[in-house]
Amino acid sequence: MALRTVSGRNGMVTAPHRLAAEAGLSVLRDGGDAVEATVAVAACLAVVYPHMTGIGGDGFWVIHEPDGAVHGIHGCGGAAGAASLDMYVGLEAVPFRGPLAANTVAGTISGWAAALESSGGSLPLERLLRDAIAHAEAGVAVTAGHAAVAEAKGPELRAQPGGYAGTFEPEGRPLSEGDVLRQPVLAGTLRRLCEEGLESFYTGALAADVAADLAELGSPVSAEDLAAHKAFRPEPLTVRIGGTQLWNSAAPTQGAASLLILALFDRLGAGTADGFDHVHGLAEATKQAFLLRDKHMGDPAFEAFDWQALLDDPAALDAMAARIDPARALPWPQPPQWGDTCWFGAADGEGRVVSAIQSTYFEFGSGLVLPNTGITWQNRGSSFRLAEGGWNALRPGRKPFHTLNPALARFDDGRVMAYGTMGGEGQPQTQAALFTRYARYDADLQEAISAPRWLLGRTWGDQSTTLKLEDGFAPELYAALAAAGHAVERVGPLTAMMGHAGAIVRHADGRLDGATDPRSDGGVAAW
């Protein structure tokens, strides 16, 4: 049966795994606010969706407060102090797997802590992590998506040092759909966070154990690197398009690209939903945004480009939009980006709306599962360039370029929308598809997500840079796009290649609408 938009009033959570959505809703029912619910979701996803996310990764938040204030949090770690070019002598690139890929601090937990500091909630951390701990101890059924990743990536993951095979292949084979995954060591780490406090991940007894695990496995991340890490709170980037104010994360994320795509498309006057003008226009706006992104996006401590000034300059945006040919495709490709991720959102009865995203970058990150803490460590730093200078060049302490970007919108009629997706290069494109369908073409929220999608470039391990389209568009669209010069590739019915999207809309009267992606194992929980 087709998914339908879910409605509620007192609270709502959407997540790419139903158990995580239920964990967040239970926090709302117990008097928690949307931030506390989001922490519960994030912790639960780290357990039940470990191929996509974990506490050994990074996370980003955009929060809309009941009074209309919008603020952001970056739980994003930098490169280890020892992660210099000397460490990679003889290599052309940072490896995607293994100890040398685990070269940045994991910032997710610091993001939780910063979010809770800004929250008016009062529930204890033990309550927020209760469901995550229970699922890690008792076990959770492996989903079809998890099983497919485990089968495909098993050879490269089980070869890594640490606890991957013992945790995720306990019977000497990849876990299959329906098998029970138990993570008692990770459960113990989550309990310790409750007992010792979230700061213990960076400066406490837990940090010492994490650093010892990393050192044993050969990662350059040290106790000193963990202690030096802090979450930070840059103002989200924002742009106004017809009747709506949009927000997204600041650098080093590609949030500016997501905003640029919508700002450029808004200037094209495209017509019918999912027609040629819509798909071509967004694909070409994506190219313009990515060309600029790939020159200037990165750690703001190393990149001086003023993204907010660009977004505030109508003439500059007009000039970018004018480069788009309404009938012909710009030759492509450009170098693409990877990424596997979980986006999730929550809203409470007070009017607080949260858009959040966290990731270990590739599926199961670096492949290092820390033996004494059960943490899967990210490989976000494998995106660094081994170069003396320039864009995203590896330097100790530098934060890597991030595909992660949580989106939020406030409409002039009072609606507030949190939305996002996993999917690397596809994140800004899926955001643009679902937002324009809902906001410009008045599609139902769930239909805006369920409808067929497209993707320019690669995501989720696919290296081609074609314009990929799912089945279900009007037959003539595929031919028209090809005739315009797009390298059209049909990829069949709904596929996880297009990301796992979700959205929550809070209406001015307090009503909540939520949607999840049929491409995921997700759910919307509401009351």
Protein backbone atom coordinates (compact mmCIF):
# COMPACT_ATOMS: atom_id res chain seq x y z
CA MET A 1 0.00 0.00 0.00
CA ALA A 2 1.30 3.45 -0.88
CA LEU A 3 2.55 5.62 1.96
CA ARG A 4 0.38 8.55 3.00
CA THR A 5 1.20 11.83 4.69
CA VAL A 6 0.92 11.41 8.46
CA SER A 7 -0.68 14.16 10.53
CA GLY A 8 -0.51 15.02 14.21
CA ARG A 9 -0.54 17.96 16.58
CA ASN A 10 1.39 17.30 19.78
CA GLY A 11 4.61 16.02 18.27
CA MET A 12 6.14 14.26 15.29
CA VAL A 13 9.32 12.45 14.28
CA THR A 14 10.45 11.13 10.91
CA ALA A 15 13.50 8.92 10.48
CA PRO A 16 14.82 6.37 7.96
CA HIS A 17 14.21 3.51 10.42
CA ARG A 18 10.85 3.11 12.13
CA LEU A 19 12.39 2.11 15.48
CA ALA A 20 14.27 5.39 15.60
CA ALA A 21 11.09 7.35 14.83
CA GLU A 22 9.31 5.48 17.62
CA ALA A 23 12.17 6.23 20.03
CA GLY A 24 11.86 9.95 19.32
CA LEU A 25 8.09 9.95 19.67
CA SER A 26 8.30 8.21 23.03
CA VAL A 27 10.53 11.04 24.27
CA LEU A 28 7.98 13.60 23.10
CA ARG A 29 5.21 11.68 24.87
CA ASP A 30 7.25 11.72 28.07
CA GLY A 31 7.48 15.51 27.99
CA GLY A 32 10.64 15.97 25.99
CA ASP A 33 11.07 18.65 23.38
CA ALA A 34 12.02 18.24 19.73
CA VAL A 35 15.75 18.57 20.44
CA GLU A 36 15.64 15.82 23.05
CA ALA A 37 13.59 13.66 20.69
CA THR A 38 16.17 14.21 17.96
CA VAL A 39 19.00 13.06 20.24
CA ALA A 40 16.98 9.91 20.96
CA VAL A 41 16.52 9.35 17.23
CA ALA A 42 20.22 9.96 16.54
CA ALA A 43 21.30 7.49 19.21
CA CYS A 44 18.81 4.88 18.05
CA LEU A 45 19.92 5.19 14.42
CA ALA A 46 23.51 4.61 15.51
CA VAL A 47 22.35 1.19 16.71
CA VAL A 48 19.65 0.10 14.25
CA TYR A 49 21.10 1.69 11.07
CA PRO A 50 24.84 1.19 11.61
CA HIS A 51 25.63 0.95 7.90
CA MET A 52 24.56 4.58 7.55
CA THR A 53 25.50 6.34 10.77
CA GLY A 54 27.01 6.03 14.23
CA ILE A 55 28.49 7.88 17.17
CA GLY A 56 31.89 7.65 15.49
CA GLY A 57 30.78 10.11 12.80
CA ASP A 58 29.83 13.77 12.40
CA GLY A 59 26.48 15.55 12.66
CA PHE A 60 24.84 18.87 11.76
CA TRP A 61 21.68 20.52 13.08
CA VAL A 62 19.42 23.41 12.05
CA ILE A 63 16.86 24.29 14.72
CA HIS A 64 13.81 26.54 14.41
CA GLU A 65 12.72 27.80 17.84
CA PRO A 66 9.12 28.61 18.79
CA ASP A 67 9.92 32.34 18.69
CA GLY A 68 11.14 32.08 15.09
CA ALA A 69 14.86 32.16 15.81
CA VAL A 70 16.93 29.76 13.71
CA HIS A 71 20.33 28.47 14.75
CA GLY A 72 22.77 25.78 13.71
CA ILE A 73 25.15 23.33 15.32
CA HIS A 74 28.15 21.65 13.72
CA GLY A 75 29.36 18.48 15.43
CA CYS A 76 32.18 18.20 12.93
CA GLY A 77 35.67 16.94 13.72
CA GLY A 78 38.96 18.07 12.22
CA ALA A 79 41.96 16.11 11.03
CA ALA A 80 44.23 14.61 13.65
CA GLY A 81 47.35 16.49 14.65
CA ALA A 82 49.42 13.65 13.24
CA ALA A 83 47.48 13.54 9.96
CA SER A 84 50.06 15.34 7.85
CA LEU A 85 51.13 14.65 4.29
CA ASP A 86 54.12 12.74 5.70
CA MET A 87 51.76 10.03 6.94
CA TYR A 88 50.58 9.35 3.37
CA VAL A 89 53.91 9.33 1.53
CA GLY A 90 53.70 6.98 -1.45
CA LEU A 91 49.92 7.23 -1.70
CA GLU A 92 48.04 9.21 -4.32
CA ALA A 93 44.95 9.61 -2.13
CA VAL A 94 43.78 9.01 1.42
CA PRO A 95 42.50 5.41 1.55
CA PHE A 96 38.74 4.93 1.80
CA ARG A 97 39.07 2.19 4.44
CA GLY A 98 41.32 1.31 7.34
CA PRO A 99 43.35 3.20 9.95
CA LEU A 100 44.62 5.91 7.60
CA ALA A 101 41.02 6.66 6.61
CA ALA A 102 40.07 7.13 10.29
CA ASN A 103 41.98 10.40 10.45
CA THR A 104 39.41 12.87 11.85
CA VAL A 105 37.76 13.33 15.23
CA ALA A 106 34.15 12.15 15.49
CA GLY A 107 31.96 15.17 16.27
CA THR A 108 28.48 13.63 16.58
CA ILE A 109 28.41 13.42 20.37
CA SER A 110 29.58 17.03 20.73
CA GLY A 111 26.66 18.04 18.50
CA TRP A 112 24.21 16.24 20.80
CA ALA A 113 25.71 18.02 23.80
CA ALA A 114 25.52 21.44 22.16
CA ALA A 115 21.92 20.86 21.07
CA LEU A 116 20.87 19.80 24.56
CA GLU A 117 22.57 22.86 26.04
CA SER A 118 20.37 25.05 23.86
CA SER A 119 17.23 23.06 24.66
CA GLY A 120 14.72 23.88 27.35
CA GLY A 121 14.21 20.18 27.98
CA SER A 122 14.81 18.45 31.28
CA LEU A 123 14.75 14.72 30.57
CA PRO A 124 17.88 12.90 31.76
CA LEU A 125 20.28 11.49 29.21
CA GLU A 126 19.45 7.97 30.42
CA ARG A 127 15.91 8.50 29.16
CA LEU A 128 17.04 9.87 25.80
CA LEU A 129 19.36 6.92 25.13
CA ARG A 130 17.07 4.28 26.67
CA ASP A 131 15.76 2.80 23.43
CA ALA A 132 19.17 2.85 21.73
CA ILE A 133 20.70 0.93 24.63
CA ALA A 134 17.83 -1.56 24.68
CA HIS A 135 18.14 -2.26 20.96
CA ALA A 136 21.91 -2.65 21.20
CA GLU A 137 21.59 -5.12 24.06
CA ALA A 138 18.56 -7.14 22.97
CA GLY A 139 19.29 -6.93 19.27
CA VAL A 140 17.43 -5.64 16.26
CA ALA A 141 16.38 -7.34 13.03
CA VAL A 142 18.66 -6.53 10.10
CA THR A 143 16.89 -4.65 7.32
CA ALA A 144 17.10 -5.50 3.63
CA GLY A 145 19.17 -2.38 2.99
CA HIS A 146 21.64 -3.23 5.75
CA ALA A 147 21.92 -6.81 4.48
CA ALA A 148 22.59 -5.67 0.91
CA VAL A 149 25.39 -3.35 2.04
CA ALA A 150 26.87 -6.03 4.29
CA GLU A 151 26.96 -8.51 1.43
CA ALA A 152 28.41 -6.08 -1.10
CA LYS A 153 31.02 -4.49 1.17
CA GLY A 154 31.83 -7.47 3.40
CA PRO A 155 35.18 -8.38 1.77
CA GLU A 156 36.69 -4.92 2.23
CA LEU A 157 35.20 -4.42 5.70
CA ARG A 158 36.09 -7.73 7.32
CA ALA A 159 39.68 -7.21 6.22
CA GLN A 160 40.01 -4.17 8.49
CA PRO A 161 41.55 -4.43 11.96
CA GLY A 162 39.22 -4.20 14.93
CA GLY A 163 35.81 -5.57 15.67
CA TYR A 164 33.90 -5.38 12.40
CA ALA A 165 33.75 -9.12 11.75
CA GLY A 166 33.02 -9.98 15.37
CA THR A 167 30.20 -7.45 15.54
CA PHE A 168 28.62 -7.57 12.10
CA GLU A 169 29.57 -11.10 10.99
CA PRO A 170 29.26 -13.06 14.26
CA GLU A 171 28.62 -16.34 12.41
CA GLY A 172 31.43 -15.82 9.93
CA ARG A 173 29.19 -14.43 7.19
CA PRO A 174 27.43 -11.14 6.42
CA LEU A 175 24.18 -10.74 8.33
CA SER A 176 21.07 -11.41 6.24
CA GLU A 177 17.69 -9.70 6.31
CA GLY A 178 15.89 -10.73 9.49
CA ASP A 179 19.03 -11.84 11.35
CA VAL A 180 19.37 -10.31 14.80
CA LEU A 181 22.21 -7.84 15.26
CA ARG A 182 23.38 -7.45 18.86
CA GLN A 183 25.94 -4.83 19.89
CA PRO A 184 26.61 -5.31 23.63
CA VAL A 185 29.91 -3.43 23.56
CA LEU A 186 28.26 -0.38 21.98
CA ALA A 187 25.45 -0.67 24.54
CA GLY A 188 28.06 -0.43 27.28
CA THR A 189 29.52 2.71 25.69
CA LEU A 190 26.09 4.35 25.51
CA ARG A 191 25.54 3.49 29.18
CA ARG A 192 28.85 5.08 30.03
CA LEU A 193 27.81 8.26 28.24
CA CYS A 194 24.76 8.37 30.49
CA GLU A 195 26.86 7.79 33.60
CA GLU A 196 29.91 9.89 32.77
CA GLY A 197 28.28 12.60 30.62
CA LEU A 198 28.59 13.32 26.92
CA GLU A 199 31.81 15.28 27.51
CA SER A 200 33.46 12.03 28.57
CA PHE A 201 33.66 11.07 24.91
CA TYR A 202 36.30 13.78 24.49
CA THR A 203 37.93 14.40 27.86
CA GLY A 204 36.90 11.69 30.30
CA ALA A 205 37.58 8.05 31.01
CA LEU A 206 35.65 7.07 27.90
CA ALA A 207 37.87 9.33 25.79
CA ALA A 208 40.93 7.52 27.13
CA ASP A 209 39.45 4.18 26.10
CA VAL A 210 38.46 5.50 22.66
CA ALA A 211 41.96 6.89 22.12
CA ALA A 212 43.51 3.58 23.21
CA ASP A 213 41.30 1.70 20.75
CA LEU A 214 42.23 4.06 17.92
CA ALA A 215 45.93 3.82 18.71
CA GLU A 216 45.78 0.02 18.82
CA LEU A 217 44.18 -0.04 15.37
CA GLY A 218 46.63 2.44 13.87
CA SER A 219 44.47 5.56 13.56
CA PRO A 220 46.29 8.88 13.96
CA VAL A 221 43.48 10.34 16.12
CA SER A 222 44.85 10.79 19.65
CA ALA A 223 43.57 11.63 23.11
CA GLU A 224 44.88 15.16 22.55
CA ASP A 225 42.84 15.45 19.35
CA LEU A 226 39.69 14.33 21.16
CA ALA A 227 40.28 16.78 24.03
CA ALA A 228 40.82 19.69 21.65
CA HIS A 229 37.54 19.12 19.81
CA LYS A 230 34.51 21.38 20.30
CA ALA A 231 31.19 21.65 18.52
CA PHE A 232 30.64 25.08 17.01
CA ARG A 233 27.60 27.18 16.23
CA PRO A 234 27.93 29.08 12.94
CA GLU A 235 24.88 30.92 11.74
CA PRO A 236 23.05 28.86 9.14
CA LEU A 237 23.17 30.19 5.60
CA THR A 238 19.90 31.61 4.36
CA VAL A 239 18.28 32.86 1.16
CA ARG A 240 14.84 34.13 0.27
CA ILE A 241 12.86 32.83 -2.68
CA GLY A 242 9.24 33.57 -3.52
CA GLY A 243 7.25 33.53 -0.31
CA THR A 244 9.81 31.46 1.62
CA GLN A 245 12.95 31.90 3.70
CA LEU A 246 15.32 28.95 3.37
CA TRP A 247 18.12 27.88 5.73
CA ASN A 248 20.87 25.32 5.52
CA SER A 249 24.21 24.56 7.18
CA ALA A 250 27.22 26.79 6.66
CA ALA A 251 30.63 25.62 5.44
CA PRO A 252 32.27 23.13 5.48
CA THR A 253 28.99 21.54 4.37
CA GLN A 254 27.46 21.84 0.90
CA GLY A 255 24.47 23.66 2.38
CA ALA A 256 25.21 26.66 0.18
CA ALA A 257 24.85 24.46 -2.90
CA SER A 258 21.42 23.32 -1.76
CA LEU A 259 20.30 26.92 -1.30
CA LEU A 260 21.84 28.02 -4.61
CA ILE A 261 20.02 25.33 -6.58
CA LEU A 262 16.65 26.54 -5.30
CA ALA A 263 17.55 30.23 -5.68
CA LEU A 264 18.64 29.71 -9.30
CA PHE A 265 15.66 27.53 -10.17
CA ASP A 266 13.36 30.18 -8.71
CA ARG A 267 14.64 32.56 -11.39
CA LEU A 268 13.90 30.20 -14.30
CA GLY A 269 10.12 30.35 -14.24
CA ALA A 270 9.87 26.62 -14.91
CA GLY A 271 6.42 25.19 -15.54
CA THR A 272 4.88 21.78 -14.91
CA ALA A 273 5.96 19.58 -12.00
CA ASP A 274 8.27 16.78 -13.18
CA GLY A 275 8.15 18.11 -16.74
CA PHE A 276 11.17 18.96 -18.86
CA ASP A 277 11.52 22.51 -17.52
CA HIS A 278 11.40 21.26 -13.93
CA VAL A 279 13.92 18.42 -14.20
CA HIS A 280 16.21 20.14 -16.71
CA GLY A 281 16.09 23.39 -14.76
CA LEU A 282 17.04 21.78 -11.47
CA ALA A 283 19.74 19.64 -13.10
CA GLU A 284 21.31 22.71 -14.71
CA ALA A 285 20.99 24.75 -11.50
CA THR A 286 22.76 21.86 -9.76
CA LYS A 287 25.67 22.10 -12.21
CA GLN A 288 26.09 25.82 -11.61
CA ALA A 289 25.97 25.34 -7.83
CA PHE A 290 28.41 22.41 -7.90
CA LEU A 291 30.92 24.24 -10.10
CA LEU A 292 31.16 26.99 -7.49
CA ARG A 293 31.00 24.55 -4.56
CA ASP A 294 33.93 22.53 -5.85
CA LYS A 295 36.12 25.63 -6.10
CA HIS A 296 35.39 27.26 -2.77
CA MET A 297 33.55 25.01 -0.30
CA GLY A 298 35.52 23.81 2.71
CA ASP A 299 36.67 24.63 6.21
CA PRO A 300 36.05 28.39 6.64
CA ALA A 301 39.33 28.64 8.54
CA PHE A 302 41.06 27.85 5.23
CA GLU A 303 38.50 29.08 2.67
CA ALA A 304 37.67 32.80 2.62
CA PHE A 305 34.71 32.67 0.21
CA ASP A 306 31.66 34.54 1.59
CA TRP A 307 28.70 32.28 0.78
CA GLN A 308 26.17 34.40 2.63
CA ALA A 309 27.22 37.50 0.68
CA LEU A 310 26.55 35.61 -2.55
CA LEU A 311 23.14 34.45 -1.34
CA ASP A 312 22.30 38.03 -0.36
CA ASP A 313 23.24 39.43 -3.80
CA PRO A 314 20.31 39.24 -6.27
CA ALA A 315 22.45 40.48 -9.14
CA ALA A 316 25.02 37.73 -8.61
CA LEU A 317 22.30 35.09 -8.42
CA ASP A 318 20.69 36.52 -11.56
CA ALA A 319 24.02 36.25 -13.37
CA MET A 320 24.44 32.62 -12.32
CA ALA A 321 20.90 31.79 -13.45
CA ALA A 322 21.55 33.49 -16.78
CA ARG A 323 24.26 30.91 -17.52
CA ILE A 324 21.61 28.18 -17.62
CA ASP A 325 20.42 27.34 -21.13
CA PRO A 326 16.71 26.51 -20.87
CA ALA A 327 16.96 24.08 -23.78
CA ARG A 328 20.47 22.56 -23.64
CA ALA A 329 22.48 20.71 -21.01
CA LEU A 330 25.87 22.01 -19.93
CA PRO A 331 28.50 19.35 -20.72
CA TRP A 332 29.25 17.25 -17.66
CA PRO A 333 30.77 15.63 -15.50
CA GLN A 334 32.74 17.29 -12.77
CA PRO A 335 34.49 15.36 -9.94
CA PRO A 336 31.70 14.09 -7.67
CA GLN A 337 31.44 13.41 -3.94
CA TRP A 338 30.55 10.31 -1.97
CA GLY A 339 28.51 9.79 1.17
CA ASP A 340 26.12 7.63 3.16
CA THR A 341 24.04 9.41 5.73
CA CYS A 342 20.90 9.60 7.86
CA TRP A 343 18.65 12.67 7.87
CA PHE A 344 15.92 12.91 10.52
CA GLY A 345 13.59 15.54 11.88
CA ALA A 346 11.34 16.28 14.83
CA ALA A 347 8.73 18.83 15.87
CA ASP A 348 7.08 19.41 19.23
CA GLY A 349 3.85 20.98 20.36
CA GLU A 350 5.58 24.22 21.37
CA GLY A 351 6.61 25.01 17.78
CA ARG A 352 10.20 23.82 17.85
CA VAL A 353 11.28 22.12 14.60
CA VAL A 354 14.60 20.31 14.13
CA SER A 355 16.38 19.27 10.95
CA ALA A 356 19.40 17.04 11.65
CA ILE A 357 21.77 14.79 9.79
CA GLN A 358 24.64 12.55 10.84
CA SER A 359 26.96 10.17 9.05
CA THR A 360 30.07 8.00 9.10
CA TYR A 361 30.59 8.96 5.41
CA PHE A 362 30.93 5.61 3.58
CA GLU A 363 28.83 2.63 4.62
CA PHE A 364 30.32 1.55 7.98
CA GLY A 365 32.77 4.44 7.70
CA SER A 366 36.44 3.50 7.75
CA GLY A 367 35.53 -0.09 8.61
CA LEU A 368 37.23 0.28 12.00
CA VAL A 369 34.98 -0.93 14.81
CA LEU A 370 36.75 -0.05 18.06
CA PRO A 371 37.08 -3.34 19.96
CA ASN A 372 36.61 -2.06 23.51
CA THR A 373 33.94 0.57 22.82
CA GLY A 374 32.02 -0.86 19.85
CA ILE A 375 32.18 2.44 17.94
CA THR A 376 32.33 2.42 14.13
CA TRP A 377 34.73 5.25 13.20
CA GLN A 378 34.09 7.48 10.21
CA ASN A 379 36.25 7.92 7.13
CA ARG A 380 35.16 11.50 6.44
CA GLY A 381 38.81 12.52 6.15
CA SER A 382 39.28 10.28 3.12
CA SER A 383 37.83 13.20 1.16
CA PHE A 384 40.95 15.28 1.85
CA ARG A 385 43.29 15.91 -1.06
CA LEU A 386 46.92 14.91 -0.56
CA ALA A 387 48.23 18.23 -1.82
CA GLU A 388 50.41 21.07 -0.58
CA GLY A 389 47.55 23.54 -0.90
CA GLY A 390 44.24 24.38 -2.47
CA TRP A 391 40.73 23.12 -2.00
CA ASN A 392 40.23 20.56 0.81
CA ALA A 393 43.95 19.84 1.11
CA LEU A 394 44.87 17.73 4.14
CA ARG A 395 46.16 19.73 7.09
CA PRO A 396 46.21 18.84 10.80
CA GLY A 397 43.10 20.26 12.46
CA ARG A 398 41.37 21.08 9.18
CA LYS A 399 37.72 20.10 8.85
CA PRO A 400 36.95 18.17 5.67
CA PHE A 401 34.39 19.15 3.06
CA HIS A 402 30.99 17.70 4.03
CA THR A 403 28.14 16.57 1.83
CA LEU A 404 25.91 16.64 4.92
CA ASN A 405 23.36 19.46 5.00
CA PRO A 406 20.06 19.64 6.89
CA ALA A 407 17.46 21.94 5.31
CA LEU A 408 14.76 24.11 6.84
CA ALA A 409 12.21 26.53 5.38
CA ARG A 410 9.71 29.04 6.77
CA PHE A 411 6.84 30.08 4.53
CA ASP A 412 5.18 33.48 4.71
CA ASP A 413 1.92 31.75 5.68
CA GLY A 414 3.55 30.49 8.90
CA ARG A 415 4.47 26.95 7.88
CA VAL A 416 7.87 25.65 8.96
CA MET A 417 9.37 22.73 7.04
CA ALA A 418 12.31 20.53 8.03
CA TYR A 419 13.54 18.27 5.25
CA GLY A 420 16.58 16.38 4.05
CA THR A 421 18.03 13.12 2.82
CA MET A 422 21.07 10.89 2.69
CA GLY A 423 22.91 10.51 -0.57
CA GLY A 424 26.15 12.47 -1.02
CA GLU A 425 25.92 14.34 -4.33
CA GLY A 426 22.22 13.57 -4.36
CA GLN A 427 21.39 15.43 -1.15
CA PRO A 428 20.95 18.92 -2.64
CA GLN A 429 19.16 17.46 -5.67
CA THR A 430 16.65 15.41 -3.68
CA GLN A 431 16.06 18.37 -1.39
CA ALA A 432 15.33 20.49 -4.46
CA ALA A 433 13.00 17.90 -5.95
CA LEU A 434 10.88 17.36 -2.86
CA PHE A 435 10.84 21.05 -1.90
CA THR A 436 9.78 22.32 -5.31
CA ARG A 437 7.14 19.64 -5.68
CA TYR A 438 5.64 20.56 -2.32
CA ALA A 439 6.21 24.31 -2.21
CA ARG A 440 5.97 25.35 -5.87
CA TYR A 441 3.70 22.73 -7.41
CA ASP A 442 1.45 22.02 -4.37
CA ALA A 443 2.10 18.28 -4.24
CA ASP A 444 1.09 16.31 -1.18
CA LEU A 445 4.07 16.03 1.18
CA GLN A 446 4.37 12.26 0.97
CA GLU A 447 3.89 12.26 -2.79
CA ALA A 448 6.67 14.84 -3.10
CA ILE A 449 9.02 12.25 -1.59
CA SER A 450 7.55 9.06 -3.07
CA ALA A 451 7.45 10.30 -6.66
CA PRO A 452 10.28 9.22 -8.99
CA ARG A 453 13.51 11.15 -8.67
CA TRP A 454 16.65 11.94 -10.60
CA LEU A 455 20.31 12.24 -9.74
CA LEU A 456 23.11 14.04 -11.57
CA GLY A 457 26.38 12.35 -10.71
CA ARG A 458 27.12 9.53 -8.33
CA THR A 459 26.06 8.48 -4.88
CA TRP A 460 26.16 5.44 -2.66
CA GLY A 461 29.13 3.83 -4.35
CA ASP A 462 28.06 4.44 -7.96
CA GLN A 463 30.85 6.07 -9.94
CA SER A 464 29.06 7.12 -13.13
CA THR A 465 28.20 10.77 -13.65
CA THR A 466 25.12 10.40 -15.84
CA LEU A 467 21.72 11.97 -15.22
CA LYS A 468 20.00 8.99 -13.62
CA LEU A 469 16.21 8.81 -13.58
CA GLU A 470 13.90 6.33 -11.91
CA ASP A 471 10.96 4.84 -13.77
CA GLY A 472 7.64 6.59 -13.49
CA PHE A 473 8.14 9.91 -15.25
CA ALA A 474 6.18 10.68 -18.40
CA PRO A 475 7.71 8.59 -21.22
CA GLU A 476 8.47 11.62 -23.35
CA LEU A 477 10.59 13.21 -20.58
CA TYR A 478 13.44 10.73 -20.94
CA ALA A 479 13.69 11.38 -24.68
CA ALA A 480 13.45 15.15 -24.27
CA LEU A 481 16.26 15.23 -21.70
CA ALA A 482 18.47 13.07 -23.91
CA ALA A 483 17.75 15.32 -26.90
CA ALA A 484 18.81 18.32 -24.81
CA GLY A 485 22.22 16.78 -24.26
CA HIS A 486 21.79 15.04 -20.91
CA ALA A 487 23.49 11.64 -20.57
CA VAL A 488 20.26 9.96 -19.48
CA GLU A 489 20.49 6.66 -17.62
CA ARG A 490 17.33 4.87 -16.50
CA VAL A 491 17.84 3.04 -13.21
CA GLY A 492 14.54 1.21 -12.82
CA PRO A 493 11.96 1.60 -10.06
CA LEU A 494 12.46 3.36 -6.72
CA THR A 495 16.03 2.79 -5.57
CA ALA A 496 18.09 3.70 -2.49
CA MET A 497 20.52 5.31 -4.95
CA MET A 498 18.20 8.32 -4.79
CA GLY A 499 18.59 8.70 -1.02
CA HIS A 500 16.36 8.24 1.99
CA ALA A 501 14.42 11.49 2.32
CA GLY A 502 12.00 12.77 4.92
CA ALA A 503 10.11 15.92 5.85
CA ILE A 504 8.00 17.50 8.57
CA VAL A 505 5.80 20.56 8.07
CA ARG A 506 4.39 22.50 11.02
CA HIS A 507 1.40 24.62 10.01
CA ALA A 508 0.59 27.98 11.55
CA ASP A 509 -2.30 26.45 13.51
CA GLY A 510 -0.02 23.84 15.08
CA ARG A 511 -0.96 20.90 12.85
CA LEU A 512 1.93 18.68 11.84
CA ASP A 513 2.41 16.74 8.61
CA GLY A 514 5.18 14.21 8.11
CA ALA A 515 6.50 11.94 5.39
CA THR A 516 9.17 9.30 4.96
CA ASP A 517 10.82 7.63 2.00
CA PRO A 518 9.56 4.33 0.57
CA ARG A 519 13.18 3.77 -0.51
CA SER A 520 14.17 3.44 3.17
CA ASP A 521 13.09 1.42 6.21
CA GLY A 522 11.66 4.59 7.68
CA GLY A 523 8.58 5.72 9.46
CA VAL A 524 6.74 8.78 10.71
CA ALA A 525 5.63 8.68 14.34
CA ALA A 526 3.09 11.24 15.53
CA TRP A 527 0.55 11.96 18.25
